Amino acid sequence: MKSGRIVIDGASPDPKTKVWGGESIVVSPEPSEAMLAEQAEDIPLSVIFEDGTLIVIDKPVGLVVHPGSGNWSGTLLNALLHHGAGFRELPRAGIVHRLDKDTSGLLVVAKTLEAQTDLVRQLQARTVKRHYLALVHGEPPPSGEVNAPIGRHPVQRTKMAVVPGGREALTRYRIVERFGRATLVECELATGRTHQIRVHMAHIGHPLVGDATYGKARSADPRLDAFARQALHAWQLGLIHPVSGATCRWQTPLPADFEGLLETLRGSVRP
């Protein structure tokens, strides 16, 4: 009553109001966290491409893709509901894949149910090409692949891990640039498991710089330790357009914090 969620005949009553029968009483439920997930929010989006079928977004660091525990508002889904009315008619507002909160880069969202179905099938058929740039600790071989199943960590349930009986997961990588204690690698996802690149690179002994969950607490380089997030950026995305059938490919540069770290490291390895 104090919050105005009880209305009698169109007016807010006070605690002493009596009802005699025949009144219209409306009681509104207290807003829940889950209800916030359905609210449109005016959150700026960096749109790389958009037509009537799909939209490609350069997701910034810190933006959660889909509402969930602890993040019921301020997400990409909330932003999409504000961006266009049609997203409200689609499951998950057209979202077909995700990036971690602190991973930046390209993400495609469907604008029609037909496109969403097609993109999900492309992901399953592995025709969506997703390339990432990652800065990892150490010096991995020039190229390779990690083919190791990923599932929920048997003890720490908020983490993923390479586990027997996990879901098939395949990551291919190649070296882009070496910095001594760290290496810039390009990773291509053949599958799309939760935290896949982070788990796979840690599994082979080269965790991502700045990864508080799967990485090192400390290294021999304070510049690497000072990086406040996992150094991972989805820099290239390729797919088949659901309507035209054309092969599409988009790229986006590294965000300022990631590029700045690389420039700092380059300055120390040049003669």
C-alpha atoms as a PDB file:
ATOM      1  CA  MET A   1       0.000   0.000   0.000  1.00  0.00           C
ATOM      2  CA  LYS A   2       2.804   2.448   0.879  1.00  0.00           C
ATOM      3  CA  SER A   3       4.463   1.830  -2.498  1.00  0.00           C
ATOM      4  CA  GLY A   4       1.209   2.509  -4.348  1.00  0.00           C
ATOM      5  CA  ARG A   5       0.677  -1.023  -5.582  1.00  0.00           C
ATOM      6  CA  ILE A   6      -2.874  -1.228  -4.210  1.00  0.00           C
ATOM      7  CA  VAL A   7      -5.570   0.788  -6.009  1.00  0.00           C
ATOM      8  CA  ILE A   8      -9.285   0.933  -5.083  1.00  0.00           C
ATOM      9  CA  ASP A   9     -11.606   2.318  -7.724  1.00  0.00           C
ATOM     10  CA  GLY A  10      -8.682   4.069  -9.389  1.00  0.00           C
ATOM     11  CA  ALA A  11      -7.360   5.739  -6.234  1.00  0.00           C
ATOM     12  CA  SER A  12      -4.637   4.854  -3.726  1.00  0.00           C
ATOM     13  CA  PRO A  13      -6.213   4.070  -0.360  1.00  0.00           C
ATOM     14  CA  ASP A  14      -4.801   4.636   3.097  1.00  0.00           C
ATOM     15  CA  PRO A  15      -4.688   1.930   5.811  1.00  0.00           C
ATOM     16  CA  LYS A  16      -8.050   3.089   7.305  1.00  0.00           C
ATOM     17  CA  THR A  17      -9.982   2.799   4.043  1.00  0.00           C
ATOM     18  CA  LYS A  18     -13.006   0.480   4.380  1.00  0.00           C
ATOM     19  CA  VAL A  19     -14.446  -1.602   1.567  1.00  0.00           C
ATOM     20  CA  TRP A  20     -18.172  -2.316   1.483  1.00  0.00           C
ATOM     21  CA  GLY A  21     -18.471  -4.617  -1.543  1.00  0.00           C
ATOM     22  CA  GLY A  22     -18.578  -3.882  -5.249  1.00  0.00           C
ATOM     23  CA  GLU A  23     -15.291  -1.928  -5.340  1.00  0.00           C
ATOM     24  CA  SER A  24     -12.645  -2.583  -7.982  1.00  0.00           C
ATOM     25  CA  ILE A  25      -9.386  -3.494  -6.268  1.00  0.00           C
ATOM     26  CA  VAL A  26      -6.105  -3.875  -8.185  1.00  0.00           C
ATOM     27  CA  VAL A  27      -3.010  -5.249  -6.467  1.00  0.00           C
ATOM     28  CA  SER A  28       0.188  -5.081  -8.543  1.00  0.00           C
ATOM     29  CA  PRO A  29       2.915  -7.622  -7.732  1.00  0.00           C
ATOM     30  CA  GLU A  30       6.268  -6.412  -6.500  1.00  0.00           C
ATOM     31  CA  PRO A  31       8.658  -6.194  -9.448  1.00  0.00           C
ATOM     32  CA  SER A  32      10.964  -9.193  -9.496  1.00  0.00           C
ATOM     33  CA  GLU A  33      14.517  -9.328 -10.766  1.00  0.00           C
ATOM     34  CA  ALA A  34      13.406 -11.566 -13.624  1.00  0.00           C
ATOM     35  CA  MET A  35      10.892  -8.927 -14.733  1.00  0.00           C
ATOM     36  CA  LEU A  36      13.787  -6.493 -15.242  1.00  0.00           C
ATOM     37  CA  ALA A  37      15.151  -8.823 -17.912  1.00  0.00           C
ATOM     38  CA  GLU A  38      12.144  -8.002 -20.084  1.00  0.00           C
ATOM     39  CA  GLN A  39      12.571  -4.234 -19.892  1.00  0.00           C
ATOM     40  CA  ALA A  40      13.864  -2.158 -22.818  1.00  0.00           C
ATOM     41  CA  GLU A  41      16.834   0.012 -21.846  1.00  0.00           C
ATOM     42  CA  ASP A  42      18.480   2.802 -23.813  1.00  0.00           C
ATOM     43  CA  ILE A  43      21.970   1.301 -23.895  1.00  0.00           C
ATOM     44  CA  PRO A  44      24.203   2.438 -26.788  1.00  0.00           C
ATOM     45  CA  LEU A  45      25.153  -0.280 -29.267  1.00  0.00           C
ATOM     46  CA  SER A  46      28.117  -0.276 -31.637  1.00  0.00           C
ATOM     47  CA  VAL A  47      26.442  -1.632 -34.775  1.00  0.00           C
ATOM     48  CA  ILE A  48      28.831  -2.987 -37.417  1.00  0.00           C
ATOM     49  CA  PHE A  49      26.125  -4.169 -39.825  1.00  0.00           C
ATOM     50  CA  GLU A  50      22.347  -4.277 -39.853  1.00  0.00           C
ATOM     51  CA  ASP A  51      19.650  -5.186 -42.350  1.00  0.00           C
ATOM     52  CA  GLY A  52      16.170  -6.633 -42.053  1.00  0.00           C
ATOM     53  CA  THR A  53      17.519 -10.084 -41.215  1.00  0.00           C
ATOM     54  CA  LEU A  54      20.357  -9.698 -38.733  1.00  0.00           C
ATOM     55  CA  ILE A  55      22.460  -7.253 -36.777  1.00  0.00           C
ATOM     56  CA  VAL A  56      26.182  -7.542 -36.010  1.00  0.00           C
ATOM     57  CA  ILE A  57      27.352  -5.775 -32.846  1.00  0.00           C
ATOM     58  CA  ASP A  58      30.805  -4.939 -31.521  1.00  0.00           C
ATOM     59  CA  LYS A  59      30.219  -5.770 -27.853  1.00  0.00           C
ATOM     60  CA  PRO A  60      32.231  -3.682 -25.394  1.00  0.00           C
ATOM     61  CA  VAL A  61      33.975  -5.017 -22.322  1.00  0.00           C
ATOM     62  CA  GLY A  62      31.644  -5.136 -19.322  1.00  0.00           C
ATOM     63  CA  LEU A  63      28.379  -5.663 -21.195  1.00  0.00           C
ATOM     64  CA  VAL A  64      26.576  -8.860 -20.193  1.00  0.00           C
ATOM     65  CA  VAL A  65      24.859 -10.524 -23.148  1.00  0.00           C
ATOM     66  CA  HIS A  66      21.885 -12.202 -21.492  1.00  0.00           C
ATOM     67  CA  PRO A  67      20.219 -11.506 -18.122  1.00  0.00           C
ATOM     68  CA  GLY A  68      20.955 -13.922 -15.314  1.00  0.00           C
ATOM     69  CA  SER A  69      21.840 -14.162 -11.656  1.00  0.00           C
ATOM     70  CA  GLY A  70      23.339 -10.861 -10.530  1.00  0.00           C
ATOM     71  CA  ASN A  71      22.802  -9.237 -13.930  1.00  0.00           C
ATOM     72  CA  TRP A  72      19.067  -8.834 -14.457  1.00  0.00           C
ATOM     73  CA  SER A  73      19.322  -5.478 -16.223  1.00  0.00           C
ATOM     74  CA  GLY A  74      21.789  -3.451 -18.249  1.00  0.00           C
ATOM     75  CA  THR A  75      22.391  -6.338 -20.659  1.00  0.00           C
ATOM     76  CA  LEU A  76      22.623  -6.645 -24.425  1.00  0.00           C
ATOM     77  CA  LEU A  77      19.151  -8.193 -24.408  1.00  0.00           C
ATOM     78  CA  ASN A  78      17.737  -5.090 -22.683  1.00  0.00           C
ATOM     79  CA  ALA A  79      19.508  -2.915 -25.262  1.00  0.00           C
ATOM     80  CA  LEU A  80      18.074  -4.935 -28.167  1.00  0.00           C
ATOM     81  CA  LEU A  81      14.528  -4.554 -26.823  1.00  0.00           C
ATOM     82  CA  HIS A  82      15.050  -0.790 -26.999  1.00  0.00           C
ATOM     83  CA  HIS A  83      16.790  -0.919 -30.386  1.00  0.00           C
ATOM     84  CA  GLY A  84      13.849  -2.509 -32.191  1.00  0.00           C
ATOM     85  CA  ALA A  85      10.329  -3.633 -31.292  1.00  0.00           C
ATOM     86  CA  GLY A  86      10.705  -6.844 -33.297  1.00  0.00           C
ATOM     87  CA  PHE A  87      13.271  -8.292 -30.906  1.00  0.00           C
ATOM     88  CA  ARG A  88      10.556  -8.731 -28.272  1.00  0.00           C
ATOM     89  CA  GLU A  89       8.844 -11.301 -30.497  1.00  0.00           C
ATOM     90  CA  LEU A  90      11.917 -13.553 -30.686  1.00  0.00           C
ATOM     91  CA  PRO A  91      13.254 -16.100 -28.187  1.00  0.00           C
ATOM     92  CA  ARG A  92      16.150 -14.486 -26.260  1.00  0.00           C
ATOM     93  CA  ALA A  93      15.593 -11.353 -28.396  1.00  0.00           C
ATOM     94  CA  GLY A  94      17.258 -13.091 -31.350  1.00  0.00           C
ATOM     95  CA  ILE A  95      20.517 -13.873 -29.541  1.00  0.00           C
ATOM     96  CA  VAL A  96      22.109 -17.071 -30.875  1.00  0.00           C
ATOM     97  CA  HIS A  97      25.553 -17.053 -29.210  1.00  0.00           C
ATOM     98  CA  ARG A  98      27.297 -15.207 -26.407  1.00  0.00           C
ATOM     99  CA  LEU A  99      30.510 -13.545 -25.359  1.00  0.00           C
ATOM    100  CA  ASP A 100      31.655 -13.414 -21.748  1.00  0.00           C
ATOM    101  CA  LYS A 101      31.060 -10.145 -19.915  1.00  0.00           C
ATOM    102  CA  ASP A 102      34.729  -9.136 -20.090  1.00  0.00           C
ATOM    103  CA  THR A 103      35.316 -10.396 -23.628  1.00  0.00           C
ATOM    104  CA  SER A 104      34.935  -7.797 -26.362  1.00  0.00           C
ATOM    105  CA  GLY A 105      34.127  -8.151 -30.044  1.00  0.00           C
ATOM    106  CA  LEU A 106      31.704  -9.309 -32.691  1.00  0.00           C
ATOM    107  CA  LEU A 107      28.383 -10.962 -32.018  1.00  0.00           C
ATOM    108  CA  VAL A 108      25.498 -11.636 -34.446  1.00  0.00           C
ATOM    109  CA  VAL A 109      21.828 -11.387 -33.491  1.00  0.00           C
ATOM    110  CA  ALA A 110      18.869 -12.480 -35.619  1.00  0.00           C
ATOM    111  CA  LYS A 111      16.004 -10.094 -36.383  1.00  0.00           C
ATOM    112  CA  THR A 112      13.519 -12.730 -37.558  1.00  0.00           C
ATOM    113  CA  LEU A 113      12.587 -16.178 -36.315  1.00  0.00           C
ATOM    114  CA  GLU A 114      13.614 -17.692 -39.655  1.00  0.00           C
ATOM    115  CA  ALA A 115      17.051 -16.071 -39.424  1.00  0.00           C
ATOM    116  CA  GLN A 116      17.451 -17.176 -35.822  1.00  0.00           C
ATOM    117  CA  THR A 117      16.674 -20.779 -36.769  1.00  0.00           C
ATOM    118  CA  ASP A 118      19.102 -20.601 -39.685  1.00  0.00           C
ATOM    119  CA  LEU A 119      21.934 -19.140 -37.604  1.00  0.00           C
ATOM    120  CA  VAL A 120      21.469 -21.762 -34.890  1.00  0.00           C
ATOM    121  CA  ARG A 121      21.745 -24.453 -37.562  1.00  0.00           C
ATOM    122  CA  GLN A 122      24.874 -22.800 -38.961  1.00  0.00           C
ATOM    123  CA  LEU A 123      26.425 -22.821 -35.501  1.00  0.00           C
ATOM    124  CA  GLN A 124      25.583 -26.494 -35.141  1.00  0.00           C
ATOM    125  CA  ALA A 125      27.008 -27.219 -38.609  1.00  0.00           C
ATOM    126  CA  ARG A 126      30.129 -25.167 -37.732  1.00  0.00           C
ATOM    127  CA  THR A 127      29.772 -22.890 -40.768  1.00  0.00           C
ATOM    128  CA  VAL A 128      29.892 -19.787 -38.559  1.00  0.00           C
ATOM    129  CA  LYS A 129      33.566 -18.766 -38.406  1.00  0.00           C
ATOM    130  CA  ARG A 130      34.578 -17.112 -35.150  1.00  0.00           C
ATOM    131  CA  HIS A 131      38.151 -15.876 -34.768  1.00  0.00           C
ATOM    132  CA  TYR A 132      39.535 -14.409 -31.548  1.00  0.00           C
ATOM    133  CA  LEU A 133      42.737 -12.677 -30.524  1.00  0.00           C
ATOM    134  CA  ALA A 134      44.044 -13.757 -27.134  1.00  0.00           C
ATOM    135  CA  LEU A 135      47.127 -12.796 -25.171  1.00  0.00           C
ATOM    136  CA  VAL A 136      48.373 -15.853 -23.304  1.00  0.00           C
ATOM    137  CA  HIS A 137      51.128 -16.463 -20.803  1.00  0.00           C
ATOM    138  CA  GLY A 138      54.278 -18.181 -22.023  1.00  0.00           C
ATOM    139  CA  GLU A 139      55.361 -19.315 -25.466  1.00  0.00           C
ATOM    140  CA  PRO A 140      53.106 -21.942 -27.053  1.00  0.00           C
ATOM    141  CA  PRO A 141      54.117 -23.775 -30.252  1.00  0.00           C
ATOM    142  CA  PRO A 142      53.639 -21.871 -33.550  1.00  0.00           C
ATOM    143  CA  SER A 143      50.270 -23.501 -34.166  1.00  0.00           C
ATOM    144  CA  GLY A 144      48.111 -26.325 -32.930  1.00  0.00           C
ATOM    145  CA  GLU A 145      44.710 -27.398 -31.790  1.00  0.00           C
ATOM    146  CA  VAL A 146      43.146 -28.380 -28.492  1.00  0.00           C
ATOM    147  CA  ASN A 147      40.599 -31.158 -28.829  1.00  0.00           C
ATOM    148  CA  ALA A 148      39.401 -31.782 -25.281  1.00  0.00           C
ATOM    149  CA  PRO A 149      35.871 -32.181 -23.877  1.00  0.00           C
ATOM    150  CA  ILE A 150      34.550 -29.403 -21.645  1.00  0.00           C
ATOM    151  CA  GLY A 151      32.034 -29.696 -18.830  1.00  0.00           C
ATOM    152  CA  ARG A 152      31.209 -28.263 -15.435  1.00  0.00           C
ATOM    153  CA  HIS A 153      34.127 -28.346 -12.986  1.00  0.00           C
ATOM    154  CA  PRO A 154      33.570 -31.314 -10.653  1.00  0.00           C
ATOM    155  CA  VAL A 155      34.234 -29.259  -7.513  1.00  0.00           C
ATOM    156  CA  GLN A 156      34.003 -25.555  -8.382  1.00  0.00           C
ATOM    157  CA  ARG A 157      30.592 -25.520 -10.026  1.00  0.00           C
ATOM    158  CA  THR A 158      30.866 -21.938 -11.292  1.00  0.00           C
ATOM    159  CA  LYS A 159      33.833 -22.941 -13.454  1.00  0.00           C
ATOM    160  CA  MET A 160      34.217 -25.064 -16.560  1.00  0.00           C
ATOM    161  CA  ALA A 161      36.999 -27.613 -17.051  1.00  0.00           C
ATOM    162  CA  VAL A 162      38.341 -30.285 -19.352  1.00  0.00           C
ATOM    163  CA  VAL A 163      36.570 -33.353 -17.977  1.00  0.00           C
ATOM    164  CA  PRO A 164      35.937 -36.913 -19.150  1.00  0.00           C
ATOM    165  CA  GLY A 165      32.449 -37.176 -20.554  1.00  0.00           C
ATOM    166  CA  GLY A 166      32.246 -33.430 -21.233  1.00  0.00           C
ATOM    167  CA  ARG A 167      30.895 -31.975 -24.471  1.00  0.00           C
ATOM    168  CA  GLU A 168      33.104 -32.098 -27.534  1.00  0.00           C
ATOM    169  CA  ALA A 169      35.232 -28.963 -27.827  1.00  0.00           C
ATOM    170  CA  LEU A 170      37.809 -28.044 -30.474  1.00  0.00           C
ATOM    171  CA  THR A 171      39.935 -24.896 -30.598  1.00  0.00           C
ATOM    172  CA  ARG A 172      42.558 -24.188 -33.281  1.00  0.00           C
ATOM    173  CA  TYR A 173      45.234 -21.564 -32.719  1.00  0.00           C
ATOM    174  CA  ARG A 174      48.243 -19.945 -34.377  1.00  0.00           C
ATOM    175  CA  ILE A 175      50.884 -17.528 -33.155  1.00  0.00           C
ATOM    176  CA  VAL A 176      50.503 -13.891 -34.231  1.00  0.00           C
ATOM    177  CA  GLU A 177      53.208 -12.174 -32.177  1.00  0.00           C
ATOM    178  CA  ARG A 178      55.601 -13.129 -29.385  1.00  0.00           C
ATOM    179  CA  PHE A 179      56.605 -10.919 -26.440  1.00  0.00           C
ATOM    180  CA  GLY A 180      58.829 -13.211 -24.385  1.00  0.00           C
ATOM    181  CA  ARG A 181      56.660 -13.867 -21.328  1.00  0.00           C
ATOM    182  CA  ALA A 182      53.425 -13.577 -23.321  1.00  0.00           C
ATOM    183  CA  THR A 183      52.200 -14.444 -26.798  1.00  0.00           C
ATOM    184  CA  LEU A 184      49.419 -13.056 -28.963  1.00  0.00           C
ATOM    185  CA  VAL A 185      47.520 -15.929 -30.578  1.00  0.00           C
ATOM    186  CA  GLU A 186      44.599 -16.147 -32.958  1.00  0.00           C
ATOM    187  CA  CYS A 187      42.062 -18.777 -31.930  1.00  0.00           C
ATOM    188  CA  GLU A 188      39.342 -20.232 -34.122  1.00  0.00           C
ATOM    189  CA  LEU A 189      36.366 -21.916 -32.502  1.00  0.00           C
ATOM    190  CA  ALA A 190      35.148 -25.096 -34.148  1.00  0.00           C
ATOM    191  CA  THR A 191      32.677 -25.527 -31.277  1.00  0.00           C
ATOM    192  CA  GLY A 192      31.183 -22.995 -28.895  1.00  0.00           C
ATOM    193  CA  ARG A 193      31.384 -24.244 -25.326  1.00  0.00           C
ATOM    194  CA  THR A 194      31.193 -21.941 -22.328  1.00  0.00           C
ATOM    195  CA  HIS A 195      34.610 -20.337 -21.649  1.00  0.00           C
ATOM    196  CA  GLN A 196      36.094 -22.618 -24.329  1.00  0.00           C
ATOM    197  CA  ILE A 197      39.190 -20.613 -25.292  1.00  0.00           C
ATOM    198  CA  ARG A 198      39.927 -19.710 -21.688  1.00  0.00           C
ATOM    199  CA  VAL A 199      39.639 -23.341 -20.545  1.00  0.00           C
ATOM    200  CA  HIS A 200      41.541 -24.833 -23.494  1.00  0.00           C
ATOM    201  CA  MET A 201      44.497 -22.449 -23.364  1.00  0.00           C
ATOM    202  CA  ALA A 202      44.797 -22.949 -19.603  1.00  0.00           C
ATOM    203  CA  HIS A 203      44.607 -26.707 -20.197  1.00  0.00           C
ATOM    204  CA  ILE A 204      47.739 -26.638 -22.373  1.00  0.00           C
ATOM    205  CA  GLY A 205      49.609 -24.479 -19.855  1.00  0.00           C
ATOM    206  CA  HIS A 206      49.085 -21.066 -21.466  1.00  0.00           C
ATOM    207  CA  PRO A 207      46.210 -19.316 -19.668  1.00  0.00           C
ATOM    208  CA  LEU A 208      44.962 -15.956 -20.833  1.00  0.00           C
ATOM    209  CA  VAL A 209      46.524 -12.836 -19.396  1.00  0.00           C
ATOM    210  CA  GLY A 210      44.145 -11.191 -16.915  1.00  0.00           C
ATOM    211  CA  ASP A 211      41.929 -14.254 -16.490  1.00  0.00           C
ATOM    212  CA  ALA A 212      41.134 -14.324 -12.787  1.00  0.00           C
ATOM    213  CA  THR A 213      39.164 -17.570 -13.109  1.00  0.00           C
ATOM    214  CA  TYR A 214      41.478 -19.781 -15.160  1.00  0.00           C
ATOM    215  CA  GLY A 215      44.732 -17.796 -15.204  1.00  0.00           C
ATOM    216  CA  LYS A 216      47.657 -16.950 -12.996  1.00  0.00           C
ATOM    217  CA  ALA A 217      47.342 -14.823  -9.888  1.00  0.00           C
ATOM    218  CA  ARG A 218      50.867 -13.523 -10.497  1.00  0.00           C
ATOM    219  CA  SER A 219      53.445 -13.739 -13.229  1.00  0.00           C
ATOM    220  CA  ALA A 220      56.974 -12.440 -13.674  1.00  0.00           C
ATOM    221  CA  ASP A 221      55.699  -9.315 -15.467  1.00  0.00           C
ATOM    222  CA  PRO A 222      53.725  -6.698 -13.492  1.00  0.00           C
ATOM    223  CA  ARG A 223      52.359  -5.247 -16.748  1.00  0.00           C
ATOM    224  CA  LEU A 224      50.567  -8.509 -17.434  1.00  0.00           C
ATOM    225  CA  ASP A 225      49.354  -8.799 -13.849  1.00  0.00           C
ATOM    226  CA  ALA A 226      47.878  -5.301 -13.992  1.00  0.00           C
ATOM    227  CA  PHE A 227      45.550  -6.117 -16.904  1.00  0.00           C
ATOM    228  CA  ALA A 228      42.129  -6.177 -15.263  1.00  0.00           C
ATOM    229  CA  ARG A 229      40.264  -8.659 -17.490  1.00  0.00           C
ATOM    230  CA  GLN A 230      40.886 -11.673 -19.680  1.00  0.00           C
ATOM    231  CA  ALA A 231      42.765 -10.529 -22.795  1.00  0.00           C
ATOM    232  CA  LEU A 232      40.293 -11.930 -25.322  1.00  0.00           C
ATOM    233  CA  HIS A 233      38.679 -10.200 -28.304  1.00  0.00           C
ATOM    234  CA  ALA A 234      36.356 -11.641 -30.975  1.00  0.00           C
ATOM    235  CA  TRP A 235      37.922  -9.828 -33.913  1.00  0.00           C
ATOM    236  CA  GLN A 236      36.428 -11.637 -36.933  1.00  0.00           C
ATOM    237  CA  LEU A 237      33.036 -13.203 -37.671  1.00  0.00           C
ATOM    238  CA  GLY A 238      31.957 -15.016 -40.804  1.00  0.00           C
ATOM    239  CA  LEU A 239      28.669 -16.661 -41.796  1.00  0.00           C
ATOM    240  CA  ILE A 240      26.240 -17.348 -44.621  1.00  0.00           C
ATOM    241  CA  HIS A 241      23.527 -14.703 -44.855  1.00  0.00           C
ATOM    242  CA  PRO A 242      20.235 -16.466 -43.991  1.00  0.00           C
ATOM    243  CA  VAL A 243      18.316 -14.784 -46.846  1.00  0.00           C
ATOM    244  CA  SER A 244      20.746 -13.909 -49.633  1.00  0.00           C
ATOM    245  CA  GLY A 245      23.046 -16.903 -49.157  1.00  0.00           C
ATOM    246  CA  ALA A 246      26.053 -14.594 -49.519  1.00  0.00           C
ATOM    247  CA  THR A 247      29.243 -15.263 -47.587  1.00  0.00           C
ATOM    248  CA  CYS A 248      29.636 -12.440 -45.053  1.00  0.00           C
ATOM    249  CA  ARG A 249      32.662 -11.503 -42.996  1.00  0.00           C
ATOM    250  CA  TRP A 250      33.195  -8.685 -40.524  1.00  0.00           C
ATOM    251  CA  GLN A 251      36.219  -7.526 -38.525  1.00  0.00           C
ATOM    252  CA  THR A 252      36.719  -5.121 -35.653  1.00  0.00           C
ATOM    253  CA  PRO A 253      39.949  -3.734 -34.140  1.00  0.00           C
ATOM    254  CA  LEU A 254      41.167  -4.427 -30.648  1.00  0.00           C
ATOM    255  CA  PRO A 255      39.722  -2.226 -27.883  1.00  0.00           C
ATOM    256  CA  ALA A 256      41.968   0.483 -26.450  1.00  0.00           C
ATOM    257  CA  ASP A 257      42.990  -1.372 -23.273  1.00  0.00           C
ATOM    258  CA  PHE A 258      44.079  -4.500 -25.155  1.00  0.00           C
ATOM    259  CA  GLU A 259      45.917  -2.537 -27.858  1.00  0.00           C
ATOM    260  CA  GLY A 260      47.581  -0.402 -25.211  1.00  0.00           C
ATOM    261  CA  LEU A 261      48.944  -3.470 -23.434  1.00  0.00           C
ATOM    262  CA  LEU A 262      50.372  -4.819 -26.695  1.00  0.00           C
ATOM    263  CA  GLU A 263      52.041  -1.480 -27.458  1.00  0.00           C
ATOM    264  CA  THR A 264      53.613  -1.484 -24.004  1.00  0.00           C
ATOM    265  CA  LEU A 265      54.941  -5.000 -24.556  1.00  0.00           C
ATOM    266  CA  ARG A 266      56.216  -4.131 -28.047  1.00  0.00           C
ATOM    267  CA  GLY A 267      58.183  -1.244 -26.618  1.00  0.00           C
ATOM    268  CA  SER A 268      60.103  -3.590 -24.339  1.00  0.00           C
ATOM    269  CA  VAL A 269      61.042  -6.194 -26.992  1.00  0.00           C
ATOM    270  CA  ARG A 270      62.189  -3.892 -29.767  1.00  0.00           C
ATOM    271  CA  PRO A 271      65.975  -3.382 -30.070  1.00  0.00           C
END
